Amino acid sequence: MTESIRRARHAFLASAILAVSACVHAPAQRPFTPPVIQPVGAVLPDGPSSTYPQAPIPPFAQSPLVVEPQAPEEPTQVAGLTPAQYSDLFDRMRGGFKLDDTADQRGIDQQLNWFASNPDYLERSFGRAEHYLYHIVTQLEARGMPLEIALLPVVESAFEPYAYSRARASGLWQFIPDTGSRFGLKQDWWYDGRRDIVESTRAALDYLQSLHDEFNGDWLLAIAAYNCGEAAVERAVEYNRSTGKPIDFWNLRLPAETRAYVPKLLAMKRLVADPESYGLAFSPIPNQPYFARVETQGQINLKLAAEIAGVTAEELYELNPAFHRWATDPAGPHFLLLPVDGAQVFTQNLSQLNDEQRMGLAHYTVRKGDSVASVAKHFSTSPNVVRDLNGVPEGRLTVGTDLRVPSTAVALPPKVMLAALRVDRPSRLSRFERRVRVQMVRAGETLWAIARRHGINVNTLASMNGLHPGDTLRAGQKIKLSTRQPRLAGGGSSAARRVVYTVRTGDTLNQIAKLFQVTVSQILGWNGMNSGTQILKGQKLTIRVASRGG
């Protein structure tokens, strides 16, 4: 960035702060203390694996301020180069690969062929990974863990932090609610730690390390247990031991998804280790932190935070996906992840704002006939926000009461709105997730045959079932064929809320439909398109999302 551009950017940010300040009283003058910034370290995936771990109860320690670990004194990388000396993060990772991928070549090759035949999937995954991968790699190095584990989010979520499975698993590492809680991941109306990049990575590595110790240092068994739960792996190990059979991963009787899960990770290792052999080329990822973790000193309006950091709201939510409302959680955590080059200017600008300016609040005096719901509707917010900002209990408002309310309506990005919806109306979504049509697999059937018979795209069918199109099916296995459009639960009437979605690189109609829990045919109808219409990057699509009326 040239000096002139930098000066212009800072001037723009300064004007944004002055505009905020003009709306409320002048901030109290406070001395500015330069911050200590700790550097710590992307639409929907085609089909994230569902993770069903049931973890032992570990310590619930919340990580303190994350400090990027120092490189190990004896790096596993190429002789003469420390981890920090690599220019490409992929090269750094390759030097830390440790897992044995020599067994069951057929199983690994099957997954390898799928990945190599779907470069778009890899491109989207690693495009998103650029934001997060450096942090994951350095955390693994600090613990002495195999760097192949940094590729596990490709299998789990395609590095989509808003990925959500039918088992209610969420985030890069696909924690279900119970396991997330066991590993200290806070989940409430404002915040879901399962999507927190730093905290979920800490929890995932804690879990994997505990599994590694439980299975006597066998990383493949630990990774299998991360997918299906340690109880399932323990039973399989005990059965083989009692019958005199080998107790390594490749000889255990495990669920079909888990038997494919470990080979998927090992296939990814091979691709990253030698992409040229498979006709692929990965764009380099800089071997440097993408984000810094910056203190906010309390709750802050996220739209304002983006403005004073010089980033878009979408960029801010991609780095801070755990926050699914218009502001951070009033109870914490009180930090944000920001691009490294925006962290210092954010802290400087933040120091010039008082508490009400940081929240972007206005004041409203309660009138006769007002209710929390009517005030919330007037200011385009929710009753929960009004109550939370003012500590208002259930019941009527008192005429003359001064209420703090959001000064402007905040339009959340679509993925964030959907994350909030899952908190606000979980019963509706859970009922929807159970309304599925399934088929029992017959001997010799393949996904291709089932898809052709039912007129379904094979990639869509595979995605709905957490499989790859080439996966082998077993007789008696249940395959989900379709879902039904969700209806609202409860007494209120339903209405359709109009959302305009901007198509991004790599988007498909299937992915967009899945994101908004609608059907492709509905999207086509709302936008005057037919089944042969191609969508383009930047195109605006109208989506009608069900919402509660009244």
Protein backbone atom coordinates (compact mmCIF):
# COMPACT_ATOMS: atom_id res chain seq x y z
CA MET A 1 0.00 0.00 0.00
CA THR A 2 1.53 3.36 -1.06
CA GLU A 3 1.85 6.18 1.45
CA SER A 4 -0.73 8.32 -0.37
CA ILE A 5 -3.29 5.51 -0.29
CA ARG A 6 -2.59 4.88 3.37
CA ARG A 7 -3.08 8.57 4.20
CA ALA A 8 -6.33 8.64 2.24
CA ARG A 9 -7.58 5.53 4.05
CA HIS A 10 -6.81 7.00 7.44
CA ALA A 11 -8.51 10.26 6.48
CA PHE A 12 -11.63 8.30 5.49
CA LEU A 13 -11.62 6.42 8.78
CA ALA A 14 -11.19 9.66 10.70
CA SER A 15 -14.21 11.16 8.93
CA ALA A 16 -16.26 8.06 9.80
CA ILE A 17 -15.40 8.54 13.47
CA LEU A 18 -16.35 12.23 13.36
CA ALA A 19 -19.70 11.29 11.79
CA VAL A 20 -20.37 8.84 14.61
CA SER A 21 -19.33 11.39 17.20
CA ALA A 22 -21.71 14.00 15.77
CA CYS A 23 -24.71 11.78 16.57
CA VAL A 24 -24.09 11.71 20.33
CA HIS A 25 -22.35 13.74 23.01
CA ALA A 26 -18.59 14.23 22.86
CA PRO A 27 -16.52 11.32 24.16
CA ALA A 28 -14.60 11.57 27.35
CA GLN A 29 -10.94 12.32 26.71
CA ARG A 30 -8.72 9.35 27.46
CA PRO A 31 -4.99 8.99 26.90
CA PHE A 32 -4.19 6.70 24.02
CA THR A 33 -2.07 3.70 24.92
CA PRO A 34 -0.61 1.90 21.94
CA PRO A 35 -2.05 -1.61 21.88
CA VAL A 36 -0.11 -4.80 22.14
CA ILE A 37 -1.37 -6.68 19.10
CA GLN A 38 -0.84 -10.40 19.11
CA PRO A 39 -0.91 -11.83 15.57
CA VAL A 40 -2.45 -15.27 15.65
CA GLY A 41 -2.46 -16.59 12.63
CA ALA A 42 -13.85 -18.15 2.44
CA VAL A 43 -20.23 -20.71 -0.77
CA LEU A 44 -21.11 -23.25 1.44
CA PRO A 45 -19.11 -26.49 1.19
CA ASP A 46 -20.36 -29.13 -1.19
CA GLY A 47 -20.80 -31.59 1.63
CA PRO A 48 -19.16 -31.25 5.02
CA SER A 49 -18.72 -34.47 6.94
CA SER A 50 -20.96 -34.73 9.96
CA THR A 51 -18.96 -35.01 13.15
CA TYR A 52 -20.57 -36.84 16.05
CA PRO A 53 -17.86 -36.78 18.73
CA GLN A 54 -18.88 -37.45 22.32
CA ALA A 55 -15.96 -36.12 24.26
CA PRO A 56 -14.68 -36.89 27.74
CA ILE A 57 -15.01 -33.90 30.03
CA PRO A 58 -11.74 -31.93 29.93
CA PRO A 59 -10.83 -28.70 31.75
CA PHE A 60 -13.09 -25.85 30.67
CA ALA A 61 -10.27 -23.34 30.44
CA GLN A 62 -10.94 -20.48 28.08
CA SER A 63 -7.78 -19.57 26.24
CA PRO A 64 -6.24 -16.25 27.30
CA LEU A 65 -5.03 -13.75 24.73
CA VAL A 66 -3.65 -15.90 21.94
CA VAL A 67 0.02 -15.37 21.22
CA GLU A 68 1.44 -16.91 18.09
CA PRO A 69 3.77 -19.70 19.20
CA GLN A 70 7.46 -19.55 18.48
CA ALA A 71 8.79 -21.98 15.92
CA PRO A 72 10.11 -25.23 17.40
CA GLU A 73 13.84 -25.23 18.03
CA GLU A 74 14.21 -28.39 15.95
CA PRO A 75 11.81 -28.01 13.02
CA THR A 76 10.72 -30.98 11.00
CA GLN A 77 11.00 -29.01 7.77
CA VAL A 78 13.77 -29.01 5.19
CA ALA A 79 17.22 -28.85 6.78
CA GLY A 80 18.49 -25.30 7.09
CA LEU A 81 15.06 -23.67 7.08
CA THR A 82 13.02 -22.86 10.15
CA PRO A 83 9.22 -22.78 9.78
CA ALA A 84 9.22 -18.99 9.65
CA GLN A 85 11.69 -18.92 6.75
CA TYR A 86 9.33 -20.54 4.24
CA SER A 87 7.57 -18.17 1.89
CA ASP A 88 4.72 -20.60 1.07
CA LEU A 89 2.66 -22.01 3.93
CA PHE A 90 2.11 -25.21 1.93
CA ASP A 91 5.86 -25.86 1.94
CA ARG A 92 5.95 -25.35 5.68
CA MET A 93 3.11 -27.85 6.09
CA ARG A 94 4.71 -30.47 3.85
CA GLY A 95 7.76 -30.59 6.09
CA GLY A 96 5.58 -31.40 9.09
CA PHE A 97 3.57 -34.28 7.60
CA LYS A 98 3.88 -37.35 9.83
CA LEU A 99 0.92 -39.67 9.22
CA ASP A 100 1.50 -43.05 7.55
CA ASP A 101 -0.49 -43.28 4.31
CA THR A 102 0.98 -46.51 2.95
CA ALA A 103 -1.84 -48.85 4.04
CA ASP A 104 -5.10 -49.52 2.17
CA GLN A 105 -4.01 -47.84 -1.05
CA ARG A 106 -7.40 -48.58 -2.63
CA GLY A 107 -9.36 -46.67 0.00
CA ILE A 108 -7.07 -43.67 -0.19
CA ASP A 109 -6.91 -43.75 -3.97
CA GLN A 110 -10.70 -43.72 -4.20
CA GLN A 111 -10.87 -40.48 -2.22
CA LEU A 112 -7.83 -39.11 -4.02
CA ASN A 113 -9.47 -39.58 -7.39
CA TRP A 114 -12.54 -37.66 -6.26
CA PHE A 115 -10.54 -34.70 -4.94
CA ALA A 116 -8.29 -34.63 -8.01
CA SER A 117 -11.37 -34.71 -10.27
CA ASN A 118 -13.00 -31.81 -8.43
CA PRO A 119 -10.43 -29.00 -8.45
CA ASP A 120 -13.19 -26.41 -7.97
CA TYR A 121 -13.92 -27.89 -4.55
CA LEU A 122 -10.27 -27.60 -3.60
CA GLU A 123 -10.00 -24.09 -4.98
CA ARG A 124 -12.95 -22.90 -2.89
CA SER A 125 -11.70 -24.69 0.19
CA PHE A 126 -8.18 -23.31 0.09
CA GLY A 127 -9.43 -19.90 -0.98
CA ARG A 128 -11.26 -19.72 2.34
CA ALA A 129 -8.37 -21.40 4.16
CA GLU A 130 -6.07 -18.44 3.40
CA HIS A 131 -7.70 -16.60 6.30
CA TYR A 132 -7.28 -19.33 8.89
CA LEU A 133 -4.58 -21.82 7.90
CA TYR A 134 -1.54 -20.00 9.27
CA HIS A 135 -3.06 -19.91 12.74
CA ILE A 136 -3.94 -23.62 12.65
CA VAL A 137 -0.48 -24.63 11.44
CA THR A 138 1.32 -22.67 14.15
CA GLN A 139 -0.93 -24.11 16.86
CA LEU A 140 -0.23 -27.65 15.64
CA GLU A 141 3.50 -26.99 15.58
CA ALA A 142 3.42 -25.64 19.12
CA ARG A 143 1.83 -28.90 20.27
CA GLY A 144 4.07 -31.16 18.16
CA MET A 145 1.05 -32.56 16.30
CA PRO A 146 1.07 -33.80 12.68
CA LEU A 147 0.49 -30.96 10.26
CA GLU A 148 -1.88 -33.10 8.19
CA ILE A 149 -4.47 -32.20 10.85
CA ALA A 150 -4.48 -28.66 9.42
CA LEU A 151 -6.22 -30.24 6.41
CA LEU A 152 -9.01 -31.78 8.48
CA PRO A 153 -11.30 -28.73 7.96
CA VAL A 154 -11.18 -29.46 4.21
CA VAL A 155 -12.87 -32.77 4.98
CA GLU A 156 -15.11 -31.43 7.74
CA SER A 157 -16.35 -28.11 6.38
CA ALA A 158 -14.36 -27.12 3.27
CA PHE A 159 -13.00 -24.35 5.53
CA GLU A 160 -16.45 -22.72 5.67
CA PRO A 161 -16.83 -21.35 9.23
CA TYR A 162 -20.63 -21.16 8.82
CA ALA A 163 -20.94 -24.82 7.74
CA TYR A 164 -23.78 -26.58 9.57
CA SER A 165 -24.61 -30.28 9.35
CA ARG A 166 -27.84 -32.22 9.83
CA ALA A 167 -26.37 -33.39 13.17
CA ARG A 168 -26.21 -29.71 14.26
CA ALA A 169 -22.42 -29.68 13.97
CA SER A 170 -21.07 -26.21 13.29
CA GLY A 171 -17.91 -24.37 12.32
CA LEU A 172 -14.60 -25.23 10.70
CA TRP A 173 -14.15 -28.21 13.02
CA GLN A 174 -17.84 -29.26 13.08
CA PHE A 175 -18.50 -29.48 16.81
CA ILE A 176 -21.94 -30.59 17.93
CA PRO A 177 -23.36 -28.49 20.81
CA ASP A 178 -22.65 -30.95 23.62
CA THR A 179 -19.06 -31.62 22.64
CA GLY A 180 -18.46 -27.93 22.12
CA SER A 181 -19.68 -27.23 25.64
CA ARG A 182 -17.51 -29.99 27.07
CA PHE A 183 -14.48 -28.36 25.52
CA GLY A 184 -15.27 -24.91 26.80
CA LEU A 185 -16.96 -23.42 23.73
CA LYS A 186 -19.55 -20.90 24.90
CA GLN A 187 -22.87 -20.87 23.01
CA ASP A 188 -25.56 -18.27 23.61
CA TRP A 189 -27.90 -15.79 21.87
CA TRP A 190 -25.04 -13.52 20.82
CA TYR A 191 -22.15 -15.91 20.23
CA ASP A 192 -21.33 -19.50 19.26
CA GLY A 193 -17.77 -20.50 20.11
CA ARG A 194 -17.99 -23.49 17.75
CA ARG A 195 -17.53 -20.95 14.94
CA ASP A 196 -14.84 -18.94 16.73
CA ILE A 197 -11.67 -19.47 14.68
CA VAL A 198 -9.26 -19.31 17.61
CA GLU A 199 -11.36 -21.01 20.26
CA SER A 200 -12.72 -23.81 18.07
CA THR A 201 -9.20 -24.60 16.87
CA ARG A 202 -8.01 -24.77 20.46
CA ALA A 203 -10.92 -27.07 21.35
CA ALA A 204 -10.42 -29.33 18.31
CA LEU A 205 -6.73 -29.79 19.05
CA ASP A 206 -7.47 -30.42 22.73
CA TYR A 207 -9.95 -33.10 21.72
CA LEU A 208 -7.63 -34.73 19.20
CA GLN A 209 -4.76 -34.77 21.68
CA SER A 210 -6.94 -36.41 24.31
CA LEU A 211 -8.00 -39.05 21.77
CA HIS A 212 -4.38 -39.59 20.73
CA ASP A 213 -3.47 -40.27 24.36
CA GLU A 214 -6.48 -42.53 24.87
CA PHE A 215 -5.55 -44.70 21.88
CA ASN A 216 -1.91 -45.07 22.89
CA GLY A 217 -0.44 -42.61 20.42
CA ASP A 218 -2.28 -43.92 17.32
CA TRP A 219 -3.21 -40.80 15.34
CA LEU A 220 -5.39 -42.65 12.83
CA LEU A 221 -7.55 -44.06 15.62
CA ALA A 222 -7.72 -40.60 17.20
CA ILE A 223 -8.89 -39.06 13.93
CA ALA A 224 -11.44 -41.85 13.44
CA ALA A 225 -12.76 -41.26 16.97
CA TYR A 226 -13.06 -37.54 16.25
CA ASN A 227 -15.52 -38.50 13.53
CA CYS A 228 -17.61 -41.26 15.12
CA GLY A 229 -16.83 -40.90 18.83
CA GLU A 230 -14.32 -42.71 20.97
CA ALA A 231 -16.90 -45.21 22.24
CA ALA A 232 -17.40 -46.65 18.75
CA VAL A 233 -13.67 -46.98 18.20
CA GLU A 234 -13.16 -48.53 21.65
CA ARG A 235 -15.81 -51.17 20.92
CA ALA A 236 -14.21 -52.01 17.57
CA VAL A 237 -10.76 -52.25 19.16
CA GLU A 238 -12.01 -54.50 21.96
CA TYR A 239 -13.81 -56.77 19.48
CA ASN A 240 -10.69 -57.23 17.36
CA ARG A 241 -8.53 -57.76 20.42
CA SER A 242 -10.89 -60.44 21.76
CA THR A 243 -10.87 -62.26 18.42
CA GLY A 244 -7.12 -62.02 17.89
CA LYS A 245 -7.34 -59.55 15.00
CA PRO A 246 -5.15 -56.48 14.42
CA ILE A 247 -6.37 -53.35 16.20
CA ASP A 248 -5.11 -50.71 13.76
CA PHE A 249 -7.59 -48.45 11.96
CA TRP A 250 -7.51 -50.39 8.68
CA ASN A 251 -8.68 -53.63 10.34
CA LEU A 252 -11.49 -52.26 12.52
CA ARG A 253 -15.21 -52.55 11.77
CA LEU A 254 -16.31 -48.91 11.92
CA PRO A 255 -19.22 -46.92 10.43
CA ALA A 256 -19.00 -46.42 6.67
CA GLU A 257 -18.60 -42.66 7.05
CA THR A 258 -15.62 -43.15 9.37
CA ARG A 259 -14.04 -45.78 7.10
CA ALA A 260 -14.03 -43.11 4.39
CA TYR A 261 -13.15 -40.22 6.73
CA VAL A 262 -9.54 -41.14 7.50
CA PRO A 263 -8.74 -41.99 3.84
CA LYS A 264 -10.13 -38.57 2.86
CA LEU A 265 -7.61 -36.87 5.12
CA LEU A 266 -4.74 -39.04 3.88
CA ALA A 267 -5.80 -38.35 0.29
CA MET A 268 -5.65 -34.63 1.02
CA LYS A 269 -2.16 -35.12 2.43
CA ARG A 270 -1.01 -36.75 -0.79
CA LEU A 271 -2.52 -34.01 -2.93
CA VAL A 272 -0.90 -31.24 -0.93
CA ALA A 273 2.41 -33.11 -0.73
CA ASP A 274 2.69 -33.54 -4.51
CA PRO A 275 -0.09 -31.74 -6.41
CA GLU A 276 1.80 -31.83 -9.73
CA SER A 277 1.53 -35.62 -9.84
CA TYR A 278 -2.24 -35.25 -10.00
CA GLY A 279 -2.30 -32.43 -12.53
CA LEU A 280 -3.02 -29.78 -9.88
CA ALA A 281 -1.33 -26.59 -8.75
CA PHE A 282 -2.12 -24.84 -5.48
CA SER A 283 -1.75 -21.09 -5.33
CA PRO A 284 0.81 -20.23 -2.62
CA ILE A 285 -0.49 -19.06 0.73
CA PRO A 286 1.82 -16.53 2.39
CA ASN A 287 3.60 -17.94 5.42
CA GLN A 288 2.57 -15.07 7.66
CA PRO A 289 -0.35 -14.16 9.93
CA TYR A 290 -3.50 -13.06 8.13
CA PHE A 291 -5.21 -11.71 11.22
CA ALA A 292 -4.45 -10.19 14.60
CA ARG A 293 -6.50 -10.55 17.76
CA VAL A 294 -7.40 -7.11 19.13
CA GLU A 295 -9.09 -6.19 22.40
CA THR A 296 -12.41 -4.30 22.14
CA GLN A 297 -12.65 -3.35 25.86
CA GLY A 298 -16.34 -4.28 25.85
CA GLN A 299 -19.35 -4.75 23.55
CA ILE A 300 -19.13 -3.09 20.13
CA ASN A 301 -21.35 -2.62 17.09
CA LEU A 302 -19.84 -4.84 14.39
CA LYS A 303 -20.79 -2.58 11.49
CA LEU A 304 -18.99 0.28 13.22
CA ALA A 305 -16.03 -1.98 14.02
CA ALA A 306 -15.69 -2.80 10.33
CA GLU A 307 -15.81 0.89 9.39
CA ILE A 308 -13.09 2.02 11.80
CA ALA A 309 -10.90 -0.95 10.80
CA GLY A 310 -11.27 -0.16 7.09
CA VAL A 311 -12.85 -3.50 6.14
CA THR A 312 -16.30 -4.52 4.92
CA ALA A 313 -18.89 -6.00 7.28
CA GLU A 314 -18.68 -9.25 5.29
CA GLU A 315 -14.91 -9.43 5.85
CA LEU A 316 -15.34 -8.79 9.56
CA TYR A 317 -17.93 -11.55 9.96
CA GLU A 318 -15.75 -14.02 8.00
CA LEU A 319 -13.00 -13.51 10.57
CA ASN A 320 -15.43 -13.38 13.51
CA PRO A 321 -18.17 -15.88 12.55
CA ALA A 322 -18.91 -16.73 16.18
CA PHE A 323 -20.82 -13.43 16.53
CA HIS A 324 -24.21 -13.85 14.83
CA ARG A 325 -25.83 -10.57 15.85
CA TRP A 326 -25.30 -6.88 15.08
CA ALA A 327 -22.89 -6.50 18.01
CA THR A 328 -20.47 -8.60 20.01
CA ASP A 329 -21.58 -10.46 23.14
CA PRO A 330 -21.96 -8.06 26.09
CA ALA A 331 -20.55 -10.77 28.37
CA GLY A 332 -17.52 -11.37 26.13
CA PRO A 333 -15.26 -12.46 24.64
CA HIS A 334 -14.11 -8.86 24.21
CA PHE A 335 -11.82 -9.20 21.22
CA LEU A 336 -12.04 -9.29 17.43
CA LEU A 337 -9.91 -10.83 14.73
CA LEU A 338 -8.89 -8.22 12.15
CA PRO A 339 -6.57 -8.23 9.13
CA VAL A 340 -3.08 -7.50 10.43
CA ASP A 341 -2.78 -4.20 8.55
CA GLY A 342 -6.05 -2.91 10.01
CA ALA A 343 -5.51 -3.84 13.66
CA GLN A 344 -3.44 -0.83 14.75
CA VAL A 345 -5.69 1.77 13.11
CA PHE A 346 -8.76 0.06 14.61
CA THR A 347 -7.38 0.36 18.12
CA GLN A 348 -6.39 3.98 17.61
CA ASN A 349 -9.84 4.86 16.29
CA LEU A 350 -11.62 2.86 18.98
CA SER A 351 -9.85 4.84 21.71
CA GLN A 352 -11.61 8.02 20.53
CA LEU A 353 -15.13 6.63 21.06
CA ASN A 354 -17.14 6.36 24.25
CA ASP A 355 -19.34 3.38 25.15
CA GLU A 356 -22.52 4.62 23.43
CA GLN A 357 -20.63 5.63 20.28
CA ARG A 358 -19.03 2.18 20.12
CA MET A 359 -22.48 0.62 20.18
CA GLY A 360 -24.06 3.08 17.71
CA LEU A 361 -26.94 3.76 20.09
CA ALA A 362 -29.76 6.30 20.15
CA HIS A 363 -32.31 7.06 22.88
CA TYR A 364 -36.08 6.65 22.83
CA THR A 365 -38.62 7.75 25.43
CA VAL A 366 -41.42 5.24 26.06
CA ARG A 367 -44.90 6.53 25.13
CA LYS A 368 -48.36 5.32 26.03
CA GLY A 369 -49.16 2.07 24.22
CA ASP A 370 -45.53 1.16 23.58
CA SER A 371 -44.31 -2.38 24.13
CA VAL A 372 -40.89 -3.93 23.80
CA ALA A 373 -42.03 -5.58 20.57
CA SER A 374 -43.36 -2.33 19.06
CA VAL A 375 -40.22 -0.38 19.98
CA ALA A 376 -38.05 -3.14 18.52
CA LYS A 377 -40.08 -3.12 15.29
CA HIS A 378 -39.83 0.68 15.03
CA PHE A 379 -36.04 0.51 15.21
CA SER A 380 -35.73 -2.60 12.99
CA THR A 381 -34.31 -4.74 15.73
CA SER A 382 -35.55 -7.57 17.95
CA PRO A 383 -37.22 -7.52 21.39
CA ASN A 384 -34.25 -9.44 22.76
CA VAL A 385 -31.90 -6.63 21.75
CA VAL A 386 -34.08 -3.96 23.38
CA ARG A 387 -34.34 -5.97 26.58
CA ASP A 388 -30.63 -6.75 26.65
CA LEU A 389 -29.55 -3.14 26.06
CA ASN A 390 -31.76 -1.86 28.83
CA GLY A 391 -32.02 -4.72 31.31
CA VAL A 392 -35.79 -4.77 30.80
CA PRO A 393 -37.50 -7.82 32.33
CA GLU A 394 -40.64 -9.46 31.00
CA GLY A 395 -43.69 -7.24 31.32
CA ARG A 396 -44.94 -3.83 30.29
CA LEU A 397 -42.84 -0.73 29.74
CA THR A 398 -43.27 2.33 31.93
CA VAL A 399 -44.26 5.53 30.13
CA GLY A 400 -41.40 8.03 30.23
CA THR A 401 -38.65 5.42 30.51
CA ASP A 402 -35.52 6.26 28.51
CA LEU A 403 -34.51 3.30 26.34
CA ARG A 404 -31.26 2.71 24.52
CA VAL A 405 -31.87 1.43 21.01
CA PRO A 406 -29.75 0.82 17.88
CA SER A 407 -29.46 4.10 15.99
CA THR A 408 -29.57 2.43 12.58
CA ALA A 409 -30.86 -0.86 11.26
CA VAL A 410 -28.06 -3.31 10.59
CA ALA A 411 -28.46 -5.67 7.63
CA LEU A 412 -26.62 -8.87 8.49
CA PRO A 413 -24.92 -10.92 5.75
CA PRO A 414 -27.09 -13.91 4.71
CA LYS A 415 -24.91 -16.52 6.38
CA VAL A 416 -25.01 -14.60 9.65
CA MET A 417 -28.80 -14.25 9.47
CA LEU A 418 -29.14 -18.00 9.02
CA ALA A 419 -26.85 -18.65 11.99
CA ALA A 420 -29.02 -16.36 14.12
CA LEU A 421 -32.18 -18.11 12.88
CA ARG A 422 -30.86 -21.44 14.14
CA VAL A 423 -30.63 -19.93 17.62
CA ASP A 424 -33.97 -18.12 17.48
CA ARG A 425 -36.07 -21.01 16.14
CA PRO A 426 -34.20 -24.28 16.69
CA SER A 427 -37.37 -26.38 16.99
CA ARG A 428 -38.51 -25.33 13.52
CA LEU A 429 -35.16 -26.23 12.01
CA SER A 430 -34.84 -29.51 13.86
CA ARG A 431 -38.30 -30.58 12.69
CA PHE A 432 -37.34 -29.63 9.15
CA GLU A 433 -34.17 -31.67 9.38
CA ARG A 434 -36.22 -34.77 10.26
CA ARG A 435 -38.57 -34.38 7.27
CA VAL A 436 -36.62 -36.35 4.73
CA ARG A 437 -37.31 -39.05 2.16
CA VAL A 438 -34.89 -41.96 2.30
CA GLN A 439 -34.17 -45.13 0.34
CA MET A 440 -32.65 -48.33 1.62
CA VAL A 441 -29.65 -49.34 -0.51
CA ARG A 442 -29.89 -52.69 -2.26
CA ALA A 443 -26.94 -54.99 -2.89
CA GLY A 444 -24.72 -53.69 -5.68
CA GLU A 445 -26.33 -50.25 -5.91
CA THR A 446 -24.24 -47.12 -6.41
CA LEU A 447 -24.93 -43.44 -5.81
CA TRP A 448 -24.83 -42.92 -9.58
CA ALA A 449 -27.59 -45.52 -10.11
CA ILE A 450 -29.77 -44.12 -7.32
CA ALA A 451 -29.31 -40.56 -8.56
CA ARG A 452 -30.20 -41.53 -12.14
CA ARG A 453 -33.30 -43.46 -11.06
CA HIS A 454 -34.65 -40.55 -9.02
CA GLY A 455 -33.58 -37.78 -11.38
CA ILE A 456 -31.15 -36.22 -8.90
CA ASN A 457 -27.72 -34.80 -9.66
CA VAL A 458 -25.21 -37.27 -8.21
CA ASN A 459 -23.11 -34.52 -6.61
CA THR A 460 -26.22 -33.13 -4.91
CA LEU A 461 -27.19 -36.59 -3.68
CA ALA A 462 -23.68 -37.21 -2.36
CA SER A 463 -23.64 -33.82 -0.65
CA MET A 464 -26.98 -34.44 1.08
CA ASN A 465 -25.58 -37.65 2.55
CA GLY A 466 -22.07 -36.51 3.48
CA LEU A 467 -20.56 -38.77 0.81
CA HIS A 468 -18.49 -38.52 -2.33
CA PRO A 469 -20.06 -39.72 -5.59
CA GLY A 470 -17.56 -42.59 -5.80
CA ASP A 471 -18.13 -43.90 -2.28
CA THR A 472 -19.07 -47.57 -1.99
CA LEU A 473 -22.52 -48.21 -0.54
CA ARG A 474 -23.47 -51.18 1.58
CA ALA A 475 -26.74 -53.10 1.42
CA GLY A 476 -29.20 -51.72 3.98
CA GLN A 477 -27.60 -48.28 4.13
CA LYS A 478 -30.10 -45.39 4.20
CA ILE A 479 -29.69 -42.69 1.55
CA LYS A 480 -31.52 -39.38 1.90
CA LEU A 481 -33.21 -38.48 -1.38
CA SER A 482 -34.87 -35.14 -0.68
CA THR A 483 -35.92 -32.67 1.96
CA ARG A 484 -39.18 -30.83 2.35
CA GLN A 485 -39.39 -27.09 2.61
CA PRO A 486 -39.57 -26.08 6.30
CA ARG A 487 -42.70 -24.61 7.83
CA LEU A 488 -42.75 -22.38 10.85
CA ALA A 489 -43.41 -24.07 14.18
CA GLY A 490 -45.60 -22.54 16.84
CA GLY A 491 -48.64 -20.37 16.76
CA GLY A 492 -47.58 -17.33 14.74
CA SER A 493 -48.37 -16.86 11.12
CA SER A 494 -45.57 -17.07 8.60
CA ALA A 495 -44.36 -14.58 6.06
CA ALA A 496 -41.58 -14.48 3.49
CA ARG A 497 -38.75 -12.04 4.07
CA ARG A 498 -37.01 -10.87 0.89
CA VAL A 499 -33.21 -11.23 0.83
CA VAL A 500 -30.97 -10.18 -2.04
CA TYR A 501 -27.96 -12.47 -2.41
CA THR A 502 -24.90 -11.57 -4.50
CA VAL A 503 -23.41 -14.58 -6.31
CA ARG A 504 -19.77 -15.27 -5.49
CA THR A 505 -17.05 -17.18 -7.30
CA GLY A 506 -17.74 -20.92 -7.17
CA ASP A 507 -21.39 -20.60 -6.09
CA THR A 508 -23.95 -23.03 -7.47
CA LEU A 509 -27.73 -22.88 -7.20
CA ASN A 510 -27.64 -26.03 -5.07
CA GLN A 511 -25.27 -24.40 -2.58
CA ILE A 512 -27.31 -21.20 -2.41
CA ALA A 513 -30.54 -23.18 -1.95
CA LYS A 514 -28.94 -25.17 0.86
CA LEU A 515 -27.68 -22.00 2.52
CA PHE A 516 -31.18 -20.49 2.71
CA GLN A 517 -33.02 -23.80 3.27
CA VAL A 518 -35.04 -23.38 0.07
CA THR A 519 -35.19 -25.37 -3.18
CA VAL A 520 -33.47 -24.67 -6.48
CA SER A 521 -36.84 -24.53 -8.24
CA GLN A 522 -37.97 -21.80 -5.87
CA ILE A 523 -34.88 -19.71 -6.61
CA LEU A 524 -35.46 -20.17 -10.34
CA GLY A 525 -39.10 -19.08 -10.01
CA TRP A 526 -38.35 -16.02 -7.85
CA ASN A 527 -35.78 -14.80 -10.36
CA GLY A 528 -37.52 -15.64 -13.66
CA MET A 529 -34.90 -18.26 -14.55
CA ASN A 530 -35.13 -21.73 -16.00
CA SER A 531 -33.13 -24.87 -15.29
CA GLY A 532 -30.64 -24.08 -18.04
CA THR A 533 -29.77 -20.60 -16.76
CA GLN A 534 -26.17 -20.13 -15.62
CA ILE A 535 -25.51 -17.88 -12.64
CA LEU A 536 -22.60 -15.43 -12.78
CA LYS A 537 -20.36 -13.86 -10.17
CA GLY A 538 -21.87 -10.56 -9.02
CA GLN A 539 -25.40 -11.50 -10.10
CA LYS A 540 -28.16 -10.50 -7.67
CA LEU A 541 -30.64 -13.21 -6.70
CA THR A 542 -33.89 -12.65 -4.83
CA ILE A 543 -34.46 -15.19 -2.04
CA ARG A 544 -37.59 -15.38 0.10
CA VAL A 545 -36.77 -16.58 3.60
CA ALA A 546 -39.55 -17.70 5.94
CA SER A 547 -39.97 -15.53 9.00
CA ARG A 548 -42.47 -15.27 11.84
CA GLY A 549 -45.19 -12.72 11.42
CA GLY A 550 -47.05 -10.69 14.03
